[in-house]
C-alpha atoms as a PDB file:
ATOM      1  CA  MET A   1     -16.484  -3.665  -8.288  1.00  0.00           C
ATOM      2  CA  GLY A   2     -18.493  -0.805  -6.864  1.00  0.00           C
ATOM      3  CA  LYS A   3     -17.284   2.840  -6.980  1.00  0.00           C
ATOM      4  CA  ARG A   4     -16.058   4.350  -3.619  1.00  0.00           C
ATOM      5  CA  LYS A   5     -18.365   7.161  -2.454  1.00  0.00           C
ATOM      6  CA  GLU A   6     -15.625   8.502  -0.261  1.00  0.00           C
ATOM      7  CA  THR A   7     -11.949   8.199   0.363  1.00  0.00           C
ATOM      8  CA  ASN A   8     -10.824   8.668   3.996  1.00  0.00           C
ATOM      9  CA  THR A   9      -7.879   6.633   4.134  1.00  0.00           C
ATOM     10  CA  ILE A  10      -4.797   5.828   2.131  1.00  0.00           C
ATOM     11  CA  VAL A  11      -3.373   2.336   3.270  1.00  0.00           C
ATOM     12  CA  VAL A  12       0.358   1.353   2.771  1.00  0.00           C
ATOM     13  CA  HIS A  13       0.780  -2.352   2.372  1.00  0.00           C
ATOM     14  CA  CYS A  14       3.684  -4.641   1.543  1.00  0.00           C
ATOM     15  CA  SER A  15       3.742  -7.855  -0.417  1.00  0.00           C
ATOM     16  CA  ALA A  16       5.163  -9.881   2.636  1.00  0.00           C
ATOM     17  CA  SER A  17       7.856 -11.319   0.190  1.00  0.00           C
ATOM     18  CA  LYS A  18      11.624 -11.496   0.545  1.00  0.00           C
ATOM     19  CA  PRO A  19      13.763  -8.905  -1.587  1.00  0.00           C
ATOM     20  CA  GLU A  20      15.339 -11.904  -3.514  1.00  0.00           C
ATOM     21  CA  GLN A  21      11.930 -13.505  -4.428  1.00  0.00           C
ATOM     22  CA  LEU A  22      10.846 -12.688  -8.008  1.00  0.00           C
ATOM     23  CA  VAL A  23       7.706 -10.806  -7.118  1.00  0.00           C
ATOM     24  CA  ASP A  24       6.106  -8.171  -9.295  1.00  0.00           C
ATOM     25  CA  PHE A  25       2.638  -6.813 -10.188  1.00  0.00           C
ATOM     26  CA  ASP A  26       1.686  -9.559 -12.158  1.00  0.00           C
ATOM     27  CA  THR A  27       2.617 -12.181  -9.317  1.00  0.00           C
ATOM     28  CA  ILE A  28       0.584 -10.150  -6.667  1.00  0.00           C
ATOM     29  CA  LYS A  29      -2.485 -10.182  -9.116  1.00  0.00           C
ATOM     30  CA  ARG A  30      -2.101 -13.940  -9.797  1.00  0.00           C
ATOM     31  CA  TRP A  31      -2.235 -14.600  -5.887  1.00  0.00           C
ATOM     32  CA  HIS A  32      -5.303 -12.354  -5.625  1.00  0.00           C
ATOM     33  CA  MET A  33      -7.177 -13.854  -8.439  1.00  0.00           C
ATOM     34  CA  MET A  34      -6.035 -17.531  -8.314  1.00  0.00           C
ATOM     35  CA  GLU A  35      -5.461 -18.147  -4.530  1.00  0.00           C
ATOM     36  CA  ARG A  36      -8.142 -15.811  -3.077  1.00  0.00           C
ATOM     37  CA  ALA A  37     -10.498 -15.660  -6.083  1.00  0.00           C
ATOM     38  CA  PHE A  38     -10.693 -11.984  -6.014  1.00  0.00           C
ATOM     39  CA  ILE A  39     -11.946 -10.495  -9.556  1.00  0.00           C
ATOM     40  CA  ASP A  40      -8.815  -8.383  -9.887  1.00  0.00           C
ATOM     41  CA  ILE A  41      -5.774  -7.536  -8.075  1.00  0.00           C
ATOM     42  CA  GLY A  42      -6.859  -5.934  -4.541  1.00  0.00           C
ATOM     43  CA  TYR A  43      -4.441  -2.893  -4.580  1.00  0.00           C
ATOM     44  CA  HIS A  44      -4.710   0.400  -6.549  1.00  0.00           C
ATOM     45  CA  TRP A  45      -1.035   0.597  -6.950  1.00  0.00           C
ATOM     46  CA  VAL A  46       1.943  -1.695  -6.644  1.00  0.00           C
ATOM     47  CA  ILE A  47       5.553  -0.280  -6.435  1.00  0.00           C
ATOM     48  CA  GLU A  48       7.939  -2.899  -7.698  1.00  0.00           C
ATOM     49  CA  ARG A  49      11.596  -3.258  -6.364  1.00  0.00           C
ATOM     50  CA  ASP A  50      13.055  -1.064  -9.086  1.00  0.00           C
ATOM     51  CA  GLY A  51      10.391   1.703  -8.431  1.00  0.00           C
ATOM     52  CA  THR A  52       8.101   0.959 -11.407  1.00  0.00           C
ATOM     53  CA  VAL A  53       4.603   1.802 -10.270  1.00  0.00           C
ATOM     54  CA  LYS A  54       1.852  -0.449 -11.772  1.00  0.00           C
ATOM     55  CA  GLN A  55      -1.952   0.709 -11.499  1.00  0.00           C
ATOM     56  CA  GLY A  56      -4.079  -1.996 -10.169  1.00  0.00           C
ATOM     57  CA  ARG A  57      -7.897  -1.465  -9.623  1.00  0.00           C
ATOM     58  CA  PRO A  58      -9.200   1.699 -10.930  1.00  0.00           C
ATOM     59  CA  ILE A  59      -8.721   4.605  -8.644  1.00  0.00           C
ATOM     60  CA  ASP A  60     -12.370   5.147  -7.929  1.00  0.00           C
ATOM     61  CA  ASP A  61     -12.992   1.688  -7.381  1.00  0.00           C
ATOM     62  CA  TRP A  62     -13.341  -0.415  -4.109  1.00  0.00           C
ATOM     63  CA  GLY A  63     -10.131  -1.960  -3.431  1.00  0.00           C
ATOM     64  CA  ALA A  64      -9.653  -5.608  -1.676  1.00  0.00           C
ATOM     65  CA  HIS A  65      -6.866  -4.754   0.780  1.00  0.00           C
ATOM     66  CA  VAL A  66      -8.005  -4.129   4.191  1.00  0.00           C
ATOM     67  CA  LYS A  67     -11.213  -5.795   5.533  1.00  0.00           C
ATOM     68  CA  GLY A  68     -13.746  -3.265   6.773  1.00  0.00           C
ATOM     69  CA  HIS A  69     -12.149  -0.427   4.859  1.00  0.00           C
ATOM     70  CA  ASN A  70     -12.170  -1.145   1.337  1.00  0.00           C
ATOM     71  CA  HIS A  71     -15.367   1.009   0.918  1.00  0.00           C
ATOM     72  CA  GLU A  72     -13.331   4.188   1.900  1.00  0.00           C
ATOM     73  CA  SER A  73      -9.776   3.651   1.190  1.00  0.00           C
ATOM     74  CA  VAL A  74      -7.159   3.097  -1.614  1.00  0.00           C
ATOM     75  CA  GLY A  75      -4.318   0.603  -1.225  1.00  0.00           C
ATOM     76  CA  ILE A  76      -0.740   0.956  -2.103  1.00  0.00           C
ATOM     77  CA  CYS A  77       1.486  -2.053  -1.862  1.00  0.00           C
ATOM     78  CA  LEU A  78       5.349  -2.012  -1.904  1.00  0.00           C
ATOM     79  CA  VAL A  79       7.022  -5.296  -3.003  1.00  0.00           C
ATOM     80  CA  GLY A  80       9.112  -6.677  -0.021  1.00  0.00           C
ATOM     81  CA  GLY A  81       8.755  -6.604   3.436  1.00  0.00           C
ATOM     82  CA  LEU A  82      10.426  -9.696   4.622  1.00  0.00           C
ATOM     83  CA  ASP A  83      13.624 -10.714   5.648  1.00  0.00           C
ATOM     84  CA  SER A  84      15.234 -14.189   4.586  1.00  0.00           C
ATOM     85  CA  ASP A  85      13.707 -15.839   7.803  1.00  0.00           C
ATOM     86  CA  CYS A  86      10.144 -14.598   6.809  1.00  0.00           C
ATOM     87  CA  LYS A  87      10.272 -11.843   9.648  1.00  0.00           C
ATOM     88  CA  PRO A  88       9.060  -8.192   8.899  1.00  0.00           C
ATOM     89  CA  GLN A  89      11.941  -6.119   7.679  1.00  0.00           C
ATOM     90  CA  ASP A  90      11.945  -2.573   6.250  1.00  0.00           C
ATOM     91  CA  ASN A  91      13.938  -3.543   3.046  1.00  0.00           C
ATOM     92  CA  PHE A  92      12.369  -1.509   0.430  1.00  0.00           C
ATOM     93  CA  THR A  93      14.722   0.301  -1.894  1.00  0.00           C
ATOM     94  CA  GLU A  94      15.097   4.046  -2.112  1.00  0.00           C
ATOM     95  CA  LYS A  95      13.212   4.056  -5.494  1.00  0.00           C
ATOM     96  CA  GLN A  96      10.211   2.276  -4.006  1.00  0.00           C
ATOM     97  CA  LYS A  97      10.275   4.873  -1.101  1.00  0.00           C
ATOM     98  CA  ARG A  98      10.493   7.717  -3.669  1.00  0.00           C
ATOM     99  CA  MET A  99       7.691   6.528  -5.568  1.00  0.00           C
ATOM    100  CA  LEU A 100       5.690   5.922  -2.354  1.00  0.00           C
ATOM    101  CA  LYS A 101       6.146   9.530  -1.347  1.00  0.00           C
ATOM    102  CA  PHE A 102       5.223  10.432  -5.032  1.00  0.00           C
ATOM    103  CA  LEU A 103       1.855   8.494  -4.997  1.00  0.00           C
ATOM    104  CA  VAL A 104       1.016   9.571  -1.172  1.00  0.00           C
ATOM    105  CA  ALA A 105       1.556  13.102  -2.300  1.00  0.00           C
ATOM    106  CA  GLY A 106      -0.834  12.692  -5.428  1.00  0.00           C
ATOM    107  CA  CYS A 107      -3.444  10.942  -3.222  1.00  0.00           C
ATOM    108  CA  LEU A 108      -3.405  13.838  -0.731  1.00  0.00           C
ATOM    109  CA  ASN A 109      -3.829  16.175  -3.586  1.00  0.00           C
ATOM    110  CA  LEU A 110      -6.816  14.311  -4.582  1.00  0.00           C
ATOM    111  CA  TRP A 111      -8.179  13.598  -1.123  1.00  0.00           C
ATOM    112  CA  PRO A 112      -6.825  16.186   1.240  1.00  0.00           C
ATOM    113  CA  GLU A 113      -8.744  15.009   4.307  1.00  0.00           C
ATOM    114  CA  ALA A 114      -7.555  11.482   4.015  1.00  0.00           C
ATOM    115  CA  LYS A 115      -5.197   9.813   6.509  1.00  0.00           C
ATOM    116  CA  VAL A 116      -2.275   7.675   5.657  1.00  0.00           C
ATOM    117  CA  VAL A 117      -1.835   4.527   7.617  1.00  0.00           C
ATOM    118  CA  GLY A 118      -0.019   1.328   7.565  1.00  0.00           C
ATOM    119  CA  HIS A 119      -2.121  -1.611   7.172  1.00  0.00           C
ATOM    120  CA  THR A 120      -1.123  -2.775  10.749  1.00  0.00           C
ATOM    121  CA  HIS A 121      -2.799   0.623  11.909  1.00  0.00           C
ATOM    122  CA  LEU A 122      -6.215  -0.942  10.843  1.00  0.00           C
ATOM    123  CA  ASP A 123      -5.180  -4.478  11.670  1.00  0.00           C
ATOM    124  CA  GLN A 124      -2.996  -4.943  14.516  1.00  0.00           C
ATOM    125  CA  GLU A 125      -2.687  -8.836  13.630  1.00  0.00           C
ATOM    126  CA  LYS A 126      -0.688  -7.597  10.588  1.00  0.00           C
ATOM    127  CA  ALA A 127       2.859  -6.303  10.667  1.00  0.00           C
ATOM    128  CA  CYS A 128       2.486  -4.900   7.280  1.00  0.00           C
ATOM    129  CA  PRO A 129       4.023  -2.822   5.811  1.00  0.00           C
ATOM    130  CA  SER A 130       7.056  -3.684   8.036  1.00  0.00           C
ATOM    131  CA  PHE A 131       7.832   0.090   8.817  1.00  0.00           C
ATOM    132  CA  ASP A 132       6.162   2.786  10.906  1.00  0.00           C
ATOM    133  CA  VAL A 133       4.203   4.807   8.261  1.00  0.00           C
ATOM    134  CA  CYS A 134       3.769   7.859  10.628  1.00  0.00           C
ATOM    135  CA  ALA A 135       7.375   8.150  11.347  1.00  0.00           C
ATOM    136  CA  TRP A 136       8.066   7.691   7.642  1.00  0.00           C
ATOM    137  CA  LEU A 137       5.455  10.558   6.879  1.00  0.00           C
ATOM    138  CA  ALA A 138       6.940  12.937   9.312  1.00  0.00           C
ATOM    139  CA  GLN A 139      10.600  12.054   7.964  1.00  0.00           C
ATOM    140  CA  GLU A 140       9.359  13.009   4.447  1.00  0.00           C
ATOM    141  CA  GLY A 141       7.989  16.264   5.537  1.00  0.00           C
ATOM    142  CA  PHE A 142       4.073  15.522   5.411  1.00  0.00           C
ATOM    143  CA  VAL A 143       2.016  17.530   7.794  1.00  0.00           C
ATOM    144  CA  ALA A 144       0.371  15.353  10.483  1.00  0.00           C
ATOM    145  CA  GLU A 145      -3.117  15.737  11.397  1.00  0.00           C
ATOM    146  CA  GLY A 146      -3.754  18.921  13.506  1.00  0.00           C
ATOM    147  CA  GLU A 147      -0.277  20.363  12.620  1.00  0.00           C
ATOM    148  CA  GLU A 148       0.271  23.589  10.112  1.00  0.00           C
END
């Protein structure tokens, strides 16, 4: 893995799993390493259903979470994002959203010029992370680009 030279984007993802599925950090790491032949989990952080945050790739390393942007971004993955019919659904827990806010604030402290986007913003073929990240940012009081 190479070191990122710049961090312009913070990308929010979901694991595309149902809430009742027993998916956690280790599950996602196994998916990435065994099924995709990655050398490590692709995300920098995973937020499990109970709000537990697990660090994946080292913060300064390239991720493997969004094609064409891994060299300039960090990835945060929330476990969940699908309903019982495997359709996108914002079914993340209050604890997950609280920890997402904490991580995003920390990332913006480190990289104040970075934009926060959902995976779908960079790849419209994906519904990930199953909620409107821009609306969530505004609701949580993050200042949008150009506002002060």
